[in-house]
Amino acid sequence: MSSLVLDTGRRLVDAQPFDVRSASVGLVAVLLLVSLLVAAEVLRGLGDARARALAANLAVAIGPLLVAFALIIGTRFGHLV
């Protein structure tokens, strides 16, 4: 079963060109970053101690996504120039 799933997944990934895969992964990362940033701002606006703690926990996920966002934008900008 597991080898069938891995083989099917590999065929699905290989069926799309690199540009399409790259754009879709970038889009998912950017949308996740935006949603986490909005959630952090909403939690900060609540002013509760528990909400501040949750916002601090979201910062752990936001940091690496900001780095990924910078890499995505840098790569896209590099292709334009």
PDB file of N, CA and C in Angstrom:
ATOM      1  N   MET A   1       0.818  -1.189   0.000  1.00  0.00           N
ATOM      2  CA  MET A   1       0.000   0.000   0.000  1.00  0.00           C
ATOM      3  C   MET A   1       0.862   1.252   0.000  1.00  0.00           C
ATOM      4  N   SER A   2       1.894   1.309   0.856  1.00  0.00           N
ATOM      5  CA  SER A   2       2.699   2.529   0.963  1.00  0.00           C
ATOM      6  C   SER A   2       3.502   2.776  -0.305  1.00  0.00           C
ATOM      7  N   SER A   3       3.991   1.707  -0.942  1.00  0.00           N
ATOM      8  CA  SER A   3       4.746   1.922  -2.179  1.00  0.00           C
ATOM      9  C   SER A   3       3.819   2.403  -3.290  1.00  0.00           C
ATOM     10  N   LEU A   4       2.574   1.976  -3.288  1.00  0.00           N
ATOM     11  CA  LEU A   4       1.610   2.440  -4.274  1.00  0.00           C
ATOM     12  C   LEU A   4       1.304   3.920  -4.075  1.00  0.00           C
ATOM     13  N   VAL A   5       1.159   4.343  -2.830  1.00  0.00           N
ATOM     14  CA  VAL A   5       0.886   5.746  -2.535  1.00  0.00           C
ATOM     15  C   VAL A   5       2.079   6.598  -2.937  1.00  0.00           C
ATOM     16  N   LEU A   6       3.284   6.177  -2.603  1.00  0.00           N
ATOM     17  CA  LEU A   6       4.478   6.935  -2.960  1.00  0.00           C
ATOM     18  C   LEU A   6       4.645   7.026  -4.472  1.00  0.00           C
ATOM     19  N   ASP A   7       4.397   5.944  -5.178  1.00  0.00           N
ATOM     20  CA  ASP A   7       4.522   5.947  -6.630  1.00  0.00           C
ATOM     21  C   ASP A   7       3.465   6.842  -7.270  1.00  0.00           C
ATOM     22  N   THR A   8       2.253   6.799  -6.774  1.00  0.00           N
ATOM     23  CA  THR A   8       1.182   7.652  -7.297  1.00  0.00           C
ATOM     24  C   THR A   8       1.482   9.120  -7.025  1.00  0.00           C
ATOM     25  N   GLY A   9       1.964   9.424  -5.840  1.00  0.00           N
ATOM     26  CA  GLY A   9       2.331  10.800  -5.513  1.00  0.00           C
ATOM     27  C   GLY A   9       3.466  11.299  -6.387  1.00  0.00           C
ATOM     28  N   ARG A  10       4.447  10.452  -6.631  1.00  0.00           N
ATOM     29  CA  ARG A  10       5.571  10.827  -7.484  1.00  0.00           C
ATOM     30  C   ARG A  10       5.103  11.091  -8.912  1.00  0.00           C
ATOM     31  N   ARG A  11       4.198  10.293  -9.401  1.00  0.00           N
ATOM     32  CA  ARG A  11       3.679  10.510 -10.761  1.00  0.00           C
ATOM     33  C   ARG A  11       2.871  11.797 -10.851  1.00  0.00           C
ATOM     34  N   LEU A  12       2.108  12.112  -9.815  1.00  0.00           N
ATOM     35  CA  LEU A  12       1.351  13.372  -9.818  1.00  0.00           C
ATOM     36  C   LEU A  12       2.280  14.578  -9.802  1.00  0.00           C
ATOM     37  N   VAL A  13       3.349  14.492  -9.030  1.00  0.00           N
ATOM     38  CA  VAL A  13       4.304  15.601  -8.965  1.00  0.00           C
ATOM     39  C   VAL A  13       5.046  15.742 -10.284  1.00  0.00           C
ATOM     40  N   ASP A  14       5.426  14.624 -10.890  1.00  0.00           N
ATOM     41  CA  ASP A  14       6.162  14.669 -12.147  1.00  0.00           C
ATOM     42  C   ASP A  14       5.296  15.103 -13.321  1.00  0.00           C
ATOM     43  N   ALA A  15       3.986  15.025 -13.183  1.00  0.00           N
ATOM     44  CA  ALA A  15       3.093  15.380 -14.282  1.00  0.00           C
ATOM     45  C   ALA A  15       3.031  16.893 -14.500  1.00  0.00           C
ATOM     46  N   GLN A  16       3.373  17.674 -13.478  1.00  0.00           N
ATOM     47  CA  GLN A  16       3.312  19.129 -13.594  1.00  0.00           C
ATOM     48  C   GLN A  16       4.720  19.683 -13.786  1.00  0.00           C
ATOM     49  N   PRO A  17       4.848  20.734 -14.600  1.00  0.00           N
ATOM     50  CA  PRO A  17       6.164  21.353 -14.757  1.00  0.00           C
ATOM     51  C   PRO A  17       6.601  22.061 -13.475  1.00  0.00           C
ATOM     52  N   PHE A  18       7.899  22.344 -13.382  1.00  0.00           N
ATOM     53  CA  PHE A  18       8.461  22.929 -12.170  1.00  0.00           C
ATOM     54  C   PHE A  18       7.850  24.288 -11.850  1.00  0.00           C
ATOM     55  N   ASP A  19       7.592  25.093 -12.864  1.00  0.00           N
ATOM     56  CA  ASP A  19       7.036  26.429 -12.629  1.00  0.00           C
ATOM     57  C   ASP A  19       5.679  26.361 -11.949  1.00  0.00           C
ATOM     58  N   VAL A  20       4.851  25.411 -12.350  1.00  0.00           N
ATOM     59  CA  VAL A  20       3.520  25.267 -11.754  1.00  0.00           C
ATOM     60  C   VAL A  20       3.637  24.809 -10.302  1.00  0.00           C
ATOM     61  N   ARG A  21       4.511  23.838 -10.071  1.00  0.00           N
ATOM     62  CA  ARG A  21       4.698  23.359  -8.698  1.00  0.00           C
ATOM     63  C   ARG A  21       5.263  24.453  -7.813  1.00  0.00           C
ATOM     64  N   SER A  22       6.225  25.194  -8.334  1.00  0.00           N
ATOM     65  CA  SER A  22       6.836  26.270  -7.565  1.00  0.00           C
ATOM     66  C   SER A  22       5.825  27.355  -7.230  1.00  0.00           C
ATOM     67  N   ALA A  23       5.010  27.722  -8.192  1.00  0.00           N
ATOM     68  CA  ALA A  23       4.005  28.759  -7.956  1.00  0.00           C
ATOM     69  C   ALA A  23       2.964  28.305  -6.944  1.00  0.00           C
ATOM     70  N   SER A  24       2.559  27.051  -7.008  1.00  0.00           N
ATOM     71  CA  SER A  24       1.532  26.577  -6.082  1.00  0.00           C
ATOM     72  C   SER A  24       2.077  26.488  -4.656  1.00  0.00           C
ATOM     73  N   VAL A  25       3.296  26.036  -4.486  1.00  0.00           N
ATOM     74  CA  VAL A  25       3.889  25.971  -3.145  1.00  0.00           C
ATOM     75  C   VAL A  25       4.080  27.383  -2.603  1.00  0.00           C
ATOM     76  N   GLY A  26       4.517  28.299  -3.450  1.00  0.00           N
ATOM     77  CA  GLY A  26       4.681  29.688  -3.029  1.00  0.00           C
ATOM     78  C   GLY A  26       3.366  30.317  -2.625  1.00  0.00           C
ATOM     79  N   LEU A  27       2.327  30.042  -3.383  1.00  0.00           N
ATOM     80  CA  LEU A  27       1.006  30.590  -3.073  1.00  0.00           C
ATOM     81  C   LEU A  27       0.496  30.071  -1.737  1.00  0.00           C
ATOM     82  N   VAL A  28       0.666  28.800  -1.495  1.00  0.00           N
ATOM     83  CA  VAL A  28       0.227  28.215  -0.220  1.00  0.00           C
ATOM     84  C   VAL A  28       1.001  28.838   0.940  1.00  0.00           C
ATOM     85  N   ALA A  29       2.319  29.026   0.776  1.00  0.00           N
ATOM     86  CA  ALA A  29       3.133  29.618   1.841  1.00  0.00           C
ATOM     87  C   ALA A  29       2.719  31.058   2.116  1.00  0.00           C
ATOM     88  N   VAL A  30       2.461  31.830   1.068  1.00  0.00           N
ATOM     89  CA  VAL A  30       2.064  33.225   1.253  1.00  0.00           C
ATOM     90  C   VAL A  30       0.687  33.319   1.906  1.00  0.00           C
ATOM     91  N   LEU A  31      -0.251  32.493   1.479  1.00  0.00           N
ATOM     92  CA  LEU A  31      -1.585  32.513   2.084  1.00  0.00           C
ATOM     93  C   LEU A  31      -1.542  32.100   3.552  1.00  0.00           C
ATOM     94  N   LEU A  32      -0.721  31.120   3.872  1.00  0.00           N
ATOM     95  CA  LEU A  32      -0.568  30.709   5.265  1.00  0.00           C
ATOM     96  C   LEU A  32       0.059  31.829   6.086  1.00  0.00           C
ATOM     97  N   LEU A  33       1.051  32.516   5.527  1.00  0.00           N
ATOM     98  CA  LEU A  33       1.671  33.629   6.228  1.00  0.00           C
ATOM     99  C   LEU A  33       0.668  34.746   6.496  1.00  0.00           C
ATOM    100  N   VAL A  34      -0.107  35.100   5.506  1.00  0.00           N
ATOM    101  CA  VAL A  34      -1.103  36.166   5.673  1.00  0.00           C
ATOM    102  C   VAL A  34      -2.130  35.779   6.731  1.00  0.00           C
ATOM    103  N   SER A  35      -2.600  34.546   6.696  1.00  0.00           N
ATOM    104  CA  SER A  35      -3.600  34.127   7.683  1.00  0.00           C
ATOM    105  C   SER A  35      -3.025  34.115   9.093  1.00  0.00           C
ATOM    106  N   LEU A  36      -1.778  33.698   9.252  1.00  0.00           N
ATOM    107  CA  LEU A  36      -1.170  33.712  10.587  1.00  0.00           C
ATOM    108  C   LEU A  36      -0.928  35.134  11.076  1.00  0.00           C
ATOM    109  N   LEU A  37      -0.544  36.039  10.171  1.00  0.00           N
ATOM    110  CA  LEU A  37      -0.352  37.433  10.573  1.00  0.00           C
ATOM    111  C   LEU A  37      -1.677  38.075  11.003  1.00  0.00           C
ATOM    112  N   VAL A  38      -2.742  37.768  10.288  1.00  0.00           N
ATOM    113  CA  VAL A  38      -4.057  38.298  10.663  1.00  0.00           C
ATOM    114  C   VAL A  38      -4.488  37.729  12.014  1.00  0.00           C
ATOM    115  N   ALA A  39      -4.280  36.446  12.207  1.00  0.00           N
ATOM    116  CA  ALA A  39      -4.653  35.823  13.484  1.00  0.00           C
ATOM    117  C   ALA A  39      -3.859  36.422  14.637  1.00  0.00           C
ATOM    118  N   ALA A  40      -2.574  36.683  14.422  1.00  0.00           N
ATOM    119  CA  ALA A  40      -1.756  37.274  15.480  1.00  0.00           C
ATOM    120  C   ALA A  40      -2.234  38.683  15.826  1.00  0.00           C
ATOM    121  N   GLU A  41      -2.610  39.459  14.819  1.00  0.00           N
ATOM    122  CA  GLU A  41      -3.095  40.817  15.088  1.00  0.00           C
ATOM    123  C   GLU A  41      -4.440  40.801  15.804  1.00  0.00           C
ATOM    124  N   VAL A  42      -5.308  39.890  15.437  1.00  0.00           N
ATOM    125  CA  VAL A  42      -6.605  39.776  16.119  1.00  0.00           C
ATOM    126  C   VAL A  42      -6.393  39.380  17.577  1.00  0.00           C
ATOM    127  N   LEU A  43      -5.482  38.452  17.818  1.00  0.00           N
ATOM    128  CA  LEU A  43      -5.209  38.029  19.193  1.00  0.00           C
ATOM    129  C   LEU A  43      -4.583  39.161  20.001  1.00  0.00           C
ATOM    130  N   ARG A  44      -3.722  39.955  19.379  1.00  0.00           N
ATOM    131  CA  ARG A  44      -3.142  41.094  20.093  1.00  0.00           C
ATOM    132  C   ARG A  44      -4.206  42.125  20.437  1.00  0.00           C
ATOM    133  N   GLY A  45      -5.178  42.281  19.581  1.00  0.00           N
ATOM    134  CA  GLY A  45      -6.250  43.245  19.816  1.00  0.00           C
ATOM    135  C   GLY A  45      -7.169  42.858  20.955  1.00  0.00           C
ATOM    136  N   LEU A  46      -7.224  41.592  21.279  1.00  0.00           N
ATOM    137  CA  LEU A  46      -8.082  41.145  22.378  1.00  0.00           C
ATOM    138  C   LEU A  46      -7.555  41.608  23.728  1.00  0.00           C
ATOM    139  N   GLY A  47      -6.250  41.660  23.890  1.00  0.00           N
ATOM    140  CA  GLY A  47      -5.667  42.181  25.116  1.00  0.00           C
ATOM    141  C   GLY A  47      -5.662  41.227  26.291  1.00  0.00           C
ATOM    142  N   ASP A  48      -6.179  40.039  26.130  1.00  0.00           N
ATOM    143  CA  ASP A  48      -6.205  39.050  27.199  1.00  0.00           C
ATOM    144  C   ASP A  48      -4.816  38.419  27.335  1.00  0.00           C
ATOM    145  N   ALA A  49      -4.485  37.957  28.518  1.00  0.00           N
ATOM    146  CA  ALA A  49      -3.176  37.327  28.742  1.00  0.00           C
ATOM    147  C   ALA A  49      -3.058  36.036  27.937  1.00  0.00           C
ATOM    148  N   ARG A  50      -4.141  35.292  27.874  1.00  0.00           N
ATOM    149  CA  ARG A  50      -4.128  34.044  27.102  1.00  0.00           C
ATOM    150  C   ARG A  50      -3.982  34.329  25.614  1.00  0.00           C
ATOM    151  N   ALA A  51      -4.625  35.397  25.129  1.00  0.00           N
ATOM    152  CA  ALA A  51      -4.522  35.763  23.724  1.00  0.00           C
ATOM    153  C   ALA A  51      -3.107  36.211  23.392  1.00  0.00           C
ATOM    154  N   ARG A  52      -2.459  36.928  24.307  1.00  0.00           N
ATOM    155  CA  ARG A  52      -1.068  37.344  24.077  1.00  0.00           C
ATOM    156  C   ARG A  52      -0.145  36.138  24.011  1.00  0.00           C
ATOM    157  N   ALA A  53      -0.405  35.132  24.836  1.00  0.00           N
ATOM    158  CA  ALA A  53       0.405  33.914  24.814  1.00  0.00           C
ATOM    159  C   ALA A  53       0.220  33.173  23.496  1.00  0.00           C
ATOM    160  N   LEU A  54      -1.015  33.115  23.005  1.00  0.00           N
ATOM    161  CA  LEU A  54      -1.256  32.469  21.715  1.00  0.00           C
ATOM    162  C   LEU A  54      -0.600  33.236  20.577  1.00  0.00           C
ATOM    163  N   ALA A  55      -0.612  34.560  20.643  1.00  0.00           N
ATOM    164  CA  ALA A  55       0.046  35.376  19.624  1.00  0.00           C
ATOM    165  C   ALA A  55       1.546  35.145  19.638  1.00  0.00           C
ATOM    166  N   ALA A  56       2.126  34.979  20.810  1.00  0.00           N
ATOM    167  CA  ALA A  56       3.557  34.686  20.907  1.00  0.00           C
ATOM    168  C   ALA A  56       3.871  33.320  20.310  1.00  0.00           C
ATOM    169  N   ASN A  57       2.979  32.368  20.490  1.00  0.00           N
ATOM    170  CA  ASN A  57       3.175  31.050  19.892  1.00  0.00           C
ATOM    171  C   ASN A  57       3.075  31.114  18.375  1.00  0.00           C
ATOM    172  N   LEU A  58       2.216  31.978  17.862  1.00  0.00           N
ATOM    173  CA  LEU A  58       2.111  32.125  16.412  1.00  0.00           C
ATOM    174  C   LEU A  58       3.383  32.722  15.825  1.00  0.00           C
ATOM    175  N   ALA A  59       4.102  33.518  16.604  1.00  0.00           N
ATOM    176  CA  ALA A  59       5.345  34.122  16.124  1.00  0.00           C
ATOM    177  C   ALA A  59       6.381  33.059  15.780  1.00  0.00           C
ATOM    178  N   VAL A  60       6.295  31.912  16.425  1.00  0.00           N
ATOM    179  CA  VAL A  60       7.213  30.816  16.122  1.00  0.00           C
ATOM    180  C   VAL A  60       7.002  30.315  14.696  1.00  0.00           C
ATOM    181  N   ALA A  61       5.775  30.285  14.237  1.00  0.00           N
ATOM    182  CA  ALA A  61       5.481  29.833  12.874  1.00  0.00           C
ATOM    183  C   ALA A  61       5.646  30.954  11.860  1.00  0.00           C
ATOM    184  N   ILE A  62       5.460  32.189  12.289  1.00  0.00           N
ATOM    185  CA  ILE A  62       5.530  33.321  11.365  1.00  0.00           C
ATOM    186  C   ILE A  62       6.972  33.574  10.923  1.00  0.00           C
ATOM    187  N   GLY A  63       7.935  33.395  11.794  1.00  0.00           N
ATOM    188  CA  GLY A  63       9.340  33.657  11.463  1.00  0.00           C
ATOM    189  C   GLY A  63       9.839  32.881  10.250  1.00  0.00           C
ATOM    190  N   PRO A  64       9.752  31.564  10.267  1.00  0.00           N
ATOM    191  CA  PRO A  64      10.209  30.806   9.097  1.00  0.00           C
ATOM    192  C   PRO A  64       9.400  31.103   7.822  1.00  0.00           C
ATOM    193  N   LEU A  65       8.116  31.412   7.989  1.00  0.00           N
ATOM    194  CA  LEU A  65       7.323  31.752   6.812  1.00  0.00           C
ATOM    195  C   LEU A  65       7.751  33.093   6.223  1.00  0.00           C
ATOM    196  N   LEU A  66       8.198  34.016   7.048  1.00  0.00           N
ATOM    197  CA  LEU A  66       8.733  35.280   6.543  1.00  0.00           C
ATOM    198  C   LEU A  66      10.010  35.045   5.740  1.00  0.00           C
ATOM    199  N   VAL A  67      10.846  34.132   6.216  1.00  0.00           N
ATOM    200  CA  VAL A  67      12.059  33.785   5.467  1.00  0.00           C
ATOM    201  C   VAL A  67      11.685  33.136   4.135  1.00  0.00           C
ATOM    202  N   ALA A  68      10.713  32.236   4.151  1.00  0.00           N
ATOM    203  CA  ALA A  68      10.262  31.601   2.909  1.00  0.00           C
ATOM    204  C   ALA A  68       9.672  32.639   1.962  1.00  0.00           C
ATOM    205  N   PHE A  69       8.923  33.600   2.496  1.00  0.00           N
ATOM    206  CA  PHE A  69       8.345  34.659   1.674  1.00  0.00           C
ATOM    207  C   PHE A  69       9.453  35.483   1.010  1.00  0.00           C
ATOM    208  N   ALA A  70      10.484  35.818   1.771  1.00  0.00           N
ATOM    209  CA  ALA A  70      11.600  36.581   1.209  1.00  0.00           C
ATOM    210  C   ALA A  70      12.303  35.797   0.112  1.00  0.00           C
ATOM    211  N   LEU A  71      12.472  34.498   0.312  1.00  0.00           N
ATOM    212  CA  LEU A  71      13.094  33.675  -0.723  1.00  0.00           C
ATOM    213  C   LEU A  71      12.227  33.578  -1.974  1.00  0.00           C
ATOM    214  N   ILE A  72      10.935  33.458  -1.782  1.00  0.00           N
ATOM    215  CA  ILE A  72      10.022  33.377  -2.930  1.00  0.00           C
ATOM    216  C   ILE A  72      10.063  34.665  -3.726  1.00  0.00           C
ATOM    217  N   ILE A  73       9.966  35.797  -3.043  1.00  0.00           N
ATOM    218  CA  ILE A  73       9.993  37.092  -3.719  1.00  0.00           C
ATOM    219  C   ILE A  73      11.358  37.316  -4.363  1.00  0.00           C
ATOM    220  N   GLY A  74      12.430  36.961  -3.692  1.00  0.00           N
ATOM    221  CA  GLY A  74      13.769  37.107  -4.274  1.00  0.00           C
ATOM    222  C   GLY A  74      13.961  36.276  -5.516  1.00  0.00           C
ATOM    223  N   THR A  75      13.463  35.052  -5.482  1.00  0.00           N
ATOM    224  CA  THR A  75      13.572  34.182  -6.651  1.00  0.00           C
ATOM    225  C   THR A  75      12.745  34.714  -7.810  1.00  0.00           C
ATOM    226  N   ARG A  76      11.530  35.135  -7.540  1.00  0.00           N
ATOM    227  CA  ARG A  76      10.676  35.686  -8.593  1.00  0.00           C
ATOM    228  C   ARG A  76      11.281  36.953  -9.174  1.00  0.00           C
ATOM    229  N   PHE A  77      11.836  37.803  -8.311  1.00  0.00           N
ATOM    230  CA  PHE A  77      12.471  39.033  -8.780  1.00  0.00           C
ATOM    231  C   PHE A  77      13.719  38.712  -9.593  1.00  0.00           C
ATOM    232  N   GLY A  78      14.472  37.703  -9.174  1.00  0.00           N
ATOM    233  CA  GLY A  78      15.654  37.281  -9.918  1.00  0.00           C
ATOM    234  C   GLY A  78      15.330  36.781 -11.305  1.00  0.00           C
ATOM    235  N   HIS A  79      14.191  36.150 -11.478  1.00  0.00           N
ATOM    236  CA  HIS A  79      13.776  35.668 -12.804  1.00  0.00           C
ATOM    237  C   HIS A  79      13.356  36.825 -13.699  1.00  0.00           C
ATOM    238  N   LEU A  80      12.872  37.912 -13.098  1.00  0.00           N
ATOM    239  CA  LEU A  80      12.463  39.066 -13.898  1.00  0.00           C
ATOM    240  C   LEU A  80      13.661  39.844 -14.425  1.00  0.00           C
ATOM    241  N   VAL A  81      14.721  39.889 -13.628  1.00  0.00           N
ATOM    242  CA  VAL A  81      15.898  40.681 -14.005  1.00  0.00           C
ATOM    243  C   VAL A  81      16.800  39.872 -14.839  1.00  0.00           C
TER     244      VAL A  81
END
